[in-house]
Amino acid sequence: MTTTNKRQKKKYSAHPEDIVVVIQLPYFDDGIARLAYFKAEKRGFVPGYELDDWLEAEREFVPR
């Protein structure tokens, strides 16, 4: 009995719009954290707004 190893060719998309690229910038979270810290500092570090500060900092920091 003989076995044959057949390699299947991988199919790649011919359309560049189908390709998803994730770019991770260095110090990305550090920049957002710093901006969120300044927002909390401006507010007097009142507790309960941490997530709001972070999400607002993300919106300002991330280019769209």
PDB file of N, CA and C in Angstrom:
ATOM      1  N   MET A   1       0.851  -1.176   0.000  1.00  0.00           N
ATOM      2  CA  MET A   1       0.000   0.000   0.000  1.00  0.00           C
ATOM      3  C   MET A   1       0.896   1.238   0.000  1.00  0.00           C
ATOM      4  N   THR A   2       0.640   2.110  -0.899  1.00  0.00           N
ATOM      5  CA  THR A   2       1.442   3.331  -0.964  1.00  0.00           C
ATOM      6  C   THR A   2       0.565   4.533  -0.653  1.00  0.00           C
ATOM      7  N   THR A   3       1.177   5.469   0.013  1.00  0.00           N
ATOM      8  CA  THR A   3       0.450   6.707   0.313  1.00  0.00           C
ATOM      9  C   THR A   3       1.133   7.844  -0.418  1.00  0.00           C
ATOM     10  N   THR A   4       0.343   8.739  -0.855  1.00  0.00           N
ATOM     11  CA  THR A   4       0.903   9.903  -1.546  1.00  0.00           C
ATOM     12  C   THR A   4       0.564  11.142  -0.748  1.00  0.00           C
ATOM     13  N   ASN A   5       1.534  11.974  -0.602  1.00  0.00           N
ATOM     14  CA  ASN A   5       1.331  13.246   0.087  1.00  0.00           C
ATOM     15  C   ASN A   5       1.129  14.328  -0.961  1.00  0.00           C
ATOM     16  N   LYS A   6      -0.077  14.742  -1.080  1.00  0.00           N
ATOM     17  CA  LYS A   6      -0.372  15.811  -2.027  1.00  0.00           C
ATOM     18  C   LYS A   6      -0.514  17.112  -1.261  1.00  0.00           C
ATOM     19  N   ARG A   7       0.186  18.093  -1.717  1.00  0.00           N
ATOM     20  CA  ARG A   7       0.067  19.415  -1.110  1.00  0.00           C
ATOM     21  C   ARG A   7      -1.012  20.190  -1.839  1.00  0.00           C
ATOM     22  N   GLN A   8      -1.873  20.761  -1.047  1.00  0.00           N
ATOM     23  CA  GLN A   8      -2.906  21.594  -1.644  1.00  0.00           C
ATOM     24  C   GLN A   8      -2.389  23.016  -1.729  1.00  0.00           C
ATOM     25  N   LYS A   9      -2.660  23.641  -2.843  1.00  0.00           N
ATOM     26  CA  LYS A   9      -2.251  25.031  -2.992  1.00  0.00           C
ATOM     27  C   LYS A   9      -3.189  25.910  -2.190  1.00  0.00           C
ATOM     28  N   LYS A  10      -2.594  26.878  -1.495  1.00  0.00           N
ATOM     29  CA  LYS A  10      -3.403  27.812  -0.729  1.00  0.00           C
ATOM     30  C   LYS A  10      -3.986  28.841  -1.680  1.00  0.00           C
ATOM     31  N   LYS A  11      -5.210  29.169  -1.422  1.00  0.00           N
ATOM     32  CA  LYS A  11      -5.870  30.179  -2.243  1.00  0.00           C
ATOM     33  C   LYS A  11      -5.775  31.518  -1.537  1.00  0.00           C
ATOM     34  N   TYR A  12      -5.259  32.484  -2.220  1.00  0.00           N
ATOM     35  CA  TYR A  12      -5.138  33.828  -1.683  1.00  0.00           C
ATOM     36  C   TYR A  12      -6.078  34.753  -2.433  1.00  0.00           C
ATOM     37  N   SER A  13      -6.531  35.750  -1.736  1.00  0.00           N
ATOM     38  CA  SER A  13      -7.441  36.713  -2.334  1.00  0.00           C
ATOM     39  C   SER A  13      -6.706  37.566  -3.358  1.00  0.00           C
ATOM     40  N   ALA A  14      -7.317  37.753  -4.485  1.00  0.00           N
ATOM     41  CA  ALA A  14      -6.740  38.617  -5.509  1.00  0.00           C
ATOM     42  C   ALA A  14      -7.201  40.055  -5.332  1.00  0.00           C
ATOM     43  N   HIS A  15      -8.079  40.271  -4.371  1.00  0.00           N
ATOM     44  CA  HIS A  15      -8.636  41.603  -4.153  1.00  0.00           C
ATOM     45  C   HIS A  15      -8.039  42.214  -2.896  1.00  0.00           C
ATOM     46  N   PRO A  16      -7.296  43.308  -3.031  1.00  0.00           N
ATOM     47  CA  PRO A  16      -6.665  43.933  -1.860  1.00  0.00           C
ATOM     48  C   PRO A  16      -7.663  44.394  -0.808  1.00  0.00           C
ATOM     49  N   GLU A  17      -8.878  44.720  -1.206  1.00  0.00           N
ATOM     50  CA  GLU A  17      -9.862  45.184  -0.230  1.00  0.00           C
ATOM     51  C   GLU A  17     -10.314  44.067   0.711  1.00  0.00           C
ATOM     52  N   ASP A  18     -10.025  42.812   0.358  1.00  0.00           N
ATOM     53  CA  ASP A  18     -10.380  41.682   1.211  1.00  0.00           C
ATOM     54  C   ASP A  18      -9.335  41.417   2.297  1.00  0.00           C
ATOM     55  N   ILE A  19      -8.211  42.098   2.221  1.00  0.00           N
ATOM     56  CA  ILE A  19      -7.120  41.868   3.158  1.00  0.00           C
ATOM     57  C   ILE A  19      -7.266  42.800   4.357  1.00  0.00           C
ATOM     58  N   VAL A  20      -7.198  42.224   5.543  1.00  0.00           N
ATOM     59  CA  VAL A  20      -7.289  43.004   6.777  1.00  0.00           C
ATOM     60  C   VAL A  20      -5.897  43.065   7.393  1.00  0.00           C
ATOM     61  N   VAL A  21      -5.437  44.268   7.670  1.00  0.00           N
ATOM     62  CA  VAL A  21      -4.116  44.456   8.255  1.00  0.00           C
ATOM     63  C   VAL A  21      -4.287  45.130   9.607  1.00  0.00           C
ATOM     64  N   VAL A  22      -3.691  44.549  10.627  1.00  0.00           N
ATOM     65  CA  VAL A  22      -3.731  45.136  11.963  1.00  0.00           C
ATOM     66  C   VAL A  22      -2.356  45.727  12.242  1.00  0.00           C
ATOM     67  N   ILE A  23      -2.338  47.016  12.489  1.00  0.00           N
ATOM     68  CA  ILE A  23      -1.084  47.692  12.786  1.00  0.00           C
ATOM     69  C   ILE A  23      -1.087  48.058  14.257  1.00  0.00           C
ATOM     70  N   GLN A  24      -0.084  47.613  14.948  1.00  0.00           N
ATOM     71  CA  GLN A  24       0.016  47.936  16.364  1.00  0.00           C
ATOM     72  C   GLN A  24       1.153  48.931  16.535  1.00  0.00           C
ATOM     73  N   LEU A  25       0.801  50.120  16.947  1.00  0.00           N
ATOM     74  CA  LEU A  25       1.788  51.165  17.117  1.00  0.00           C
ATOM     75  C   LEU A  25       2.515  50.987  18.442  1.00  0.00           C
ATOM     76  N   PRO A  26       3.812  51.283  18.459  1.00  0.00           N
ATOM     77  CA  PRO A  26       4.529  51.180  19.730  1.00  0.00           C
ATOM     78  C   PRO A  26       4.011  52.210  20.720  1.00  0.00           C
ATOM     79  N   TYR A  27       3.935  51.798  21.953  1.00  0.00           N
ATOM     80  CA  TYR A  27       3.497  52.673  23.043  1.00  0.00           C
ATOM     81  C   TYR A  27       2.069  53.191  22.855  1.00  0.00           C
ATOM     82  N   PHE A  28       1.264  52.453  22.123  1.00  0.00           N
ATOM     83  CA  PHE A  28      -0.104  52.875  21.829  1.00  0.00           C
ATOM     84  C   PHE A  28      -0.916  53.014  23.109  1.00  0.00           C
ATOM     85  N   ASP A  29      -0.911  51.961  23.943  1.00  0.00           N
ATOM     86  CA  ASP A  29      -1.659  52.007  25.204  1.00  0.00           C
ATOM     87  C   ASP A  29      -1.086  53.045  26.158  1.00  0.00           C
ATOM     88  N   ASP A  30       0.227  53.241  26.100  1.00  0.00           N
ATOM     89  CA  ASP A  30       0.847  54.245  26.968  1.00  0.00           C
ATOM     90  C   ASP A  30       0.319  55.639  26.661  1.00  0.00           C
ATOM     91  N   GLY A  31       0.159  55.932  25.389  1.00  0.00           N
ATOM     92  CA  GLY A  31      -0.354  57.246  24.997  1.00  0.00           C
ATOM     93  C   GLY A  31      -1.787  57.451  25.449  1.00  0.00           C
ATOM     94  N   ILE A  32      -2.598  56.411  25.307  1.00  0.00           N
ATOM     95  CA  ILE A  32      -3.994  56.495  25.741  1.00  0.00           C
ATOM     96  C   ILE A  32      -4.055  56.627  27.257  1.00  0.00           C
ATOM     97  N   ALA A  33      -3.240  55.840  27.957  1.00  0.00           N
ATOM     98  CA  ALA A  33      -3.224  55.896  29.425  1.00  0.00           C
ATOM     99  C   ALA A  33      -2.810  57.281  29.915  1.00  0.00           C
ATOM    100  N   ARG A  34      -1.825  57.855  29.266  1.00  0.00           N
ATOM    101  CA  ARG A  34      -1.357  59.191  29.666  1.00  0.00           C
ATOM    102  C   ARG A  34      -2.462  60.231  29.465  1.00  0.00           C
ATOM    103  N   LEU A  35      -3.135  60.146  28.334  1.00  0.00           N
ATOM    104  CA  LEU A  35      -4.223  61.081  28.046  1.00  0.00           C
ATOM    105  C   LEU A  35      -5.378  60.894  29.032  1.00  0.00           C
ATOM    106  N   ALA A  36      -5.714  59.634  29.352  1.00  0.00           N
ATOM    107  CA  ALA A  36      -6.778  59.356  30.322  1.00  0.00           C
ATOM    108  C   ALA A  36      -6.391  59.873  31.708  1.00  0.00           C
ATOM    109  N   TYR A  37      -5.119  59.752  32.055  1.00  0.00           N
ATOM    110  CA  TYR A  37      -4.637  60.261  33.345  1.00  0.00           C
ATOM    111  C   TYR A  37      -4.841  61.770  33.430  1.00  0.00           C
ATOM    112  N   PHE A  38      -4.486  62.481  32.368  1.00  0.00           N
ATOM    113  CA  PHE A  38      -4.645  63.938  32.374  1.00  0.00           C
ATOM    114  C   PHE A  38      -6.116  64.343  32.477  1.00  0.00           C
ATOM    115  N   LYS A  39      -6.991  63.542  31.875  1.00  0.00           N
ATOM    116  CA  LYS A  39      -8.423  63.825  31.991  1.00  0.00           C
ATOM    117  C   LYS A  39      -8.885  63.638  33.440  1.00  0.00           C
ATOM    118  N   ALA A  40      -8.423  62.572  34.081  1.00  0.00           N
ATOM    119  CA  ALA A  40      -8.779  62.316  35.482  1.00  0.00           C
ATOM    120  C   ALA A  40      -8.196  63.396  36.390  1.00  0.00           C
ATOM    121  N   GLU A  41      -6.977  63.800  36.109  1.00  0.00           N
ATOM    122  CA  GLU A  41      -6.332  64.849  36.897  1.00  0.00           C
ATOM    123  C   GLU A  41      -7.111  66.161  36.787  1.00  0.00           C
ATOM    124  N   LYS A  42      -7.545  66.474  35.590  1.00  0.00           N
ATOM    125  CA  LYS A  42      -8.312  67.709  35.354  1.00  0.00           C
ATOM    126  C   LYS A  42      -9.624  67.692  36.141  1.00  0.00           C
ATOM    127  N   ARG A  43     -10.194  66.496  36.329  1.00  0.00           N
ATOM    128  CA  ARG A  43     -11.446  66.325  37.046  1.00  0.00           C
ATOM    129  C   ARG A  43     -11.233  66.203  38.553  1.00  0.00           C
ATOM    130  N   GLY A  44      -9.981  66.164  38.998  1.00  0.00           N
ATOM    131  CA  GLY A  44      -9.690  66.031  40.423  1.00  0.00           C
ATOM    132  C   GLY A  44      -9.689  64.589  40.900  1.00  0.00           C
ATOM    133  N   PHE A  45      -9.502  63.637  39.991  1.00  0.00           N
ATOM    134  CA  PHE A  45      -9.452  62.204  40.305  1.00  0.00           C
ATOM    135  C   PHE A  45     -10.700  61.707  41.031  1.00  0.00           C
ATOM    136  N   VAL A  46     -11.851  62.272  40.681  1.00  0.00           N
ATOM    137  CA  VAL A  46     -13.122  61.806  41.246  1.00  0.00           C
ATOM    138  C   VAL A  46     -13.349  60.376  40.747  1.00  0.00           C
ATOM    139  N   PRO A  47     -13.554  59.403  41.653  1.00  0.00           N
ATOM    140  CA  PRO A  47     -13.714  58.007  41.232  1.00  0.00           C
ATOM    141  C   PRO A  47     -15.015  57.770  40.466  1.00  0.00           C
ATOM    142  N   GLY A  48     -14.986  56.712  39.642  1.00  0.00           N
ATOM    143  CA  GLY A  48     -16.175  56.305  38.906  1.00  0.00           C
ATOM    144  C   GLY A  48     -16.172  56.720  37.442  1.00  0.00           C
ATOM    145  N   TYR A  49     -15.161  57.436  37.002  1.00  0.00           N
ATOM    146  CA  TYR A  49     -15.109  57.916  35.623  1.00  0.00           C
ATOM    147  C   TYR A  49     -13.935  57.324  34.843  1.00  0.00           C
ATOM    148  N   GLU A  50     -13.318  56.282  35.374  1.00  0.00           N
ATOM    149  CA  GLU A  50     -12.120  55.719  34.767  1.00  0.00           C
ATOM    150  C   GLU A  50     -12.374  55.224  33.346  1.00  0.00           C
ATOM    151  N   LEU A  51     -13.449  54.463  33.159  1.00  0.00           N
ATOM    152  CA  LEU A  51     -13.761  53.937  31.834  1.00  0.00           C
ATOM    153  C   LEU A  51     -14.100  55.066  30.873  1.00  0.00           C
ATOM    154  N   ASP A  52     -14.865  56.037  31.334  1.00  0.00           N
ATOM    155  CA  ASP A  52     -15.198  57.184  30.486  1.00  0.00           C
ATOM    156  C   ASP A  52     -13.935  57.919  30.042  1.00  0.00           C
ATOM    157  N   ASP A  53     -13.000  58.103  30.979  1.00  0.00           N
ATOM    158  CA  ASP A  53     -11.739  58.770  30.647  1.00  0.00           C
ATOM    159  C   ASP A  53     -10.971  57.983  29.590  1.00  0.00           C
ATOM    160  N   TRP A  54     -10.919  56.663  29.778  1.00  0.00           N
ATOM    161  CA  TRP A  54     -10.170  55.813  28.846  1.00  0.00           C
ATOM    162  C   TRP A  54     -10.801  55.847  27.456  1.00  0.00           C
ATOM    163  N   LEU A  55     -12.114  55.678  27.379  1.00  0.00           N
ATOM    164  CA  LEU A  55     -12.784  55.645  26.080  1.00  0.00           C
ATOM    165  C   LEU A  55     -12.681  56.987  25.359  1.00  0.00           C
ATOM    166  N   GLU A  56     -12.799  58.061  26.095  1.00  0.00           N
ATOM    167  CA  GLU A  56     -12.650  59.391  25.498  1.00  0.00           C
ATOM    168  C   GLU A  56     -11.214  59.595  25.005  1.00  0.00           C
ATOM    169  N   ALA A  57     -10.249  59.133  25.787  1.00  0.00           N
ATOM    170  CA  ALA A  57      -8.844  59.233  25.380  1.00  0.00           C
ATOM    171  C   ALA A  57      -8.583  58.408  24.120  1.00  0.00           C
ATOM    172  N   GLU A  58      -9.196  57.228  24.024  1.00  0.00           N
ATOM    173  CA  GLU A  58      -9.061  56.408  22.813  1.00  0.00           C
ATOM    174  C   GLU A  58      -9.589  57.145  21.594  1.00  0.00           C
ATOM    175  N   ARG A  59     -10.764  57.744  21.739  1.00  0.00           N
ATOM    176  CA  ARG A  59     -11.358  58.470  20.607  1.00  0.00           C
ATOM    177  C   ARG A  59     -10.463  59.615  20.154  1.00  0.00           C
ATOM    178  N   GLU A  60      -9.825  60.277  21.089  1.00  0.00           N
ATOM    179  CA  GLU A  60      -8.955  61.394  20.739  1.00  0.00           C
ATOM    180  C   GLU A  60      -7.598  60.925  20.208  1.00  0.00           C
ATOM    181  N   PHE A  61      -7.110  59.810  20.715  1.00  0.00           N
ATOM    182  CA  PHE A  61      -5.766  59.346  20.390  1.00  0.00           C
ATOM    183  C   PHE A  61      -5.708  58.570  19.080  1.00  0.00           C
ATOM    184  N   VAL A  62      -6.733  57.778  18.806  1.00  0.00           N
ATOM    185  CA  VAL A  62      -6.728  56.903  17.636  1.00  0.00           C
ATOM    186  C   VAL A  62      -7.135  57.694  16.399  1.00  0.00           C
ATOM    187  N   PRO A  63      -6.255  57.765  15.403  1.00  0.00           N
ATOM    188  CA  PRO A  63      -6.625  58.456  14.165  1.00  0.00           C
ATOM    189  C   PRO A  63      -7.641  57.631  13.385  1.00  0.00           C
ATOM    190  N   ARG A  64      -8.635  58.263  12.860  1.00  0.00           N
ATOM    191  CA  ARG A  64      -9.672  57.545  12.092  1.00  0.00           C
ATOM    192  C   ARG A  64      -9.715  58.046  10.679  1.00  0.00           C
TER     193      ARG A  64
END
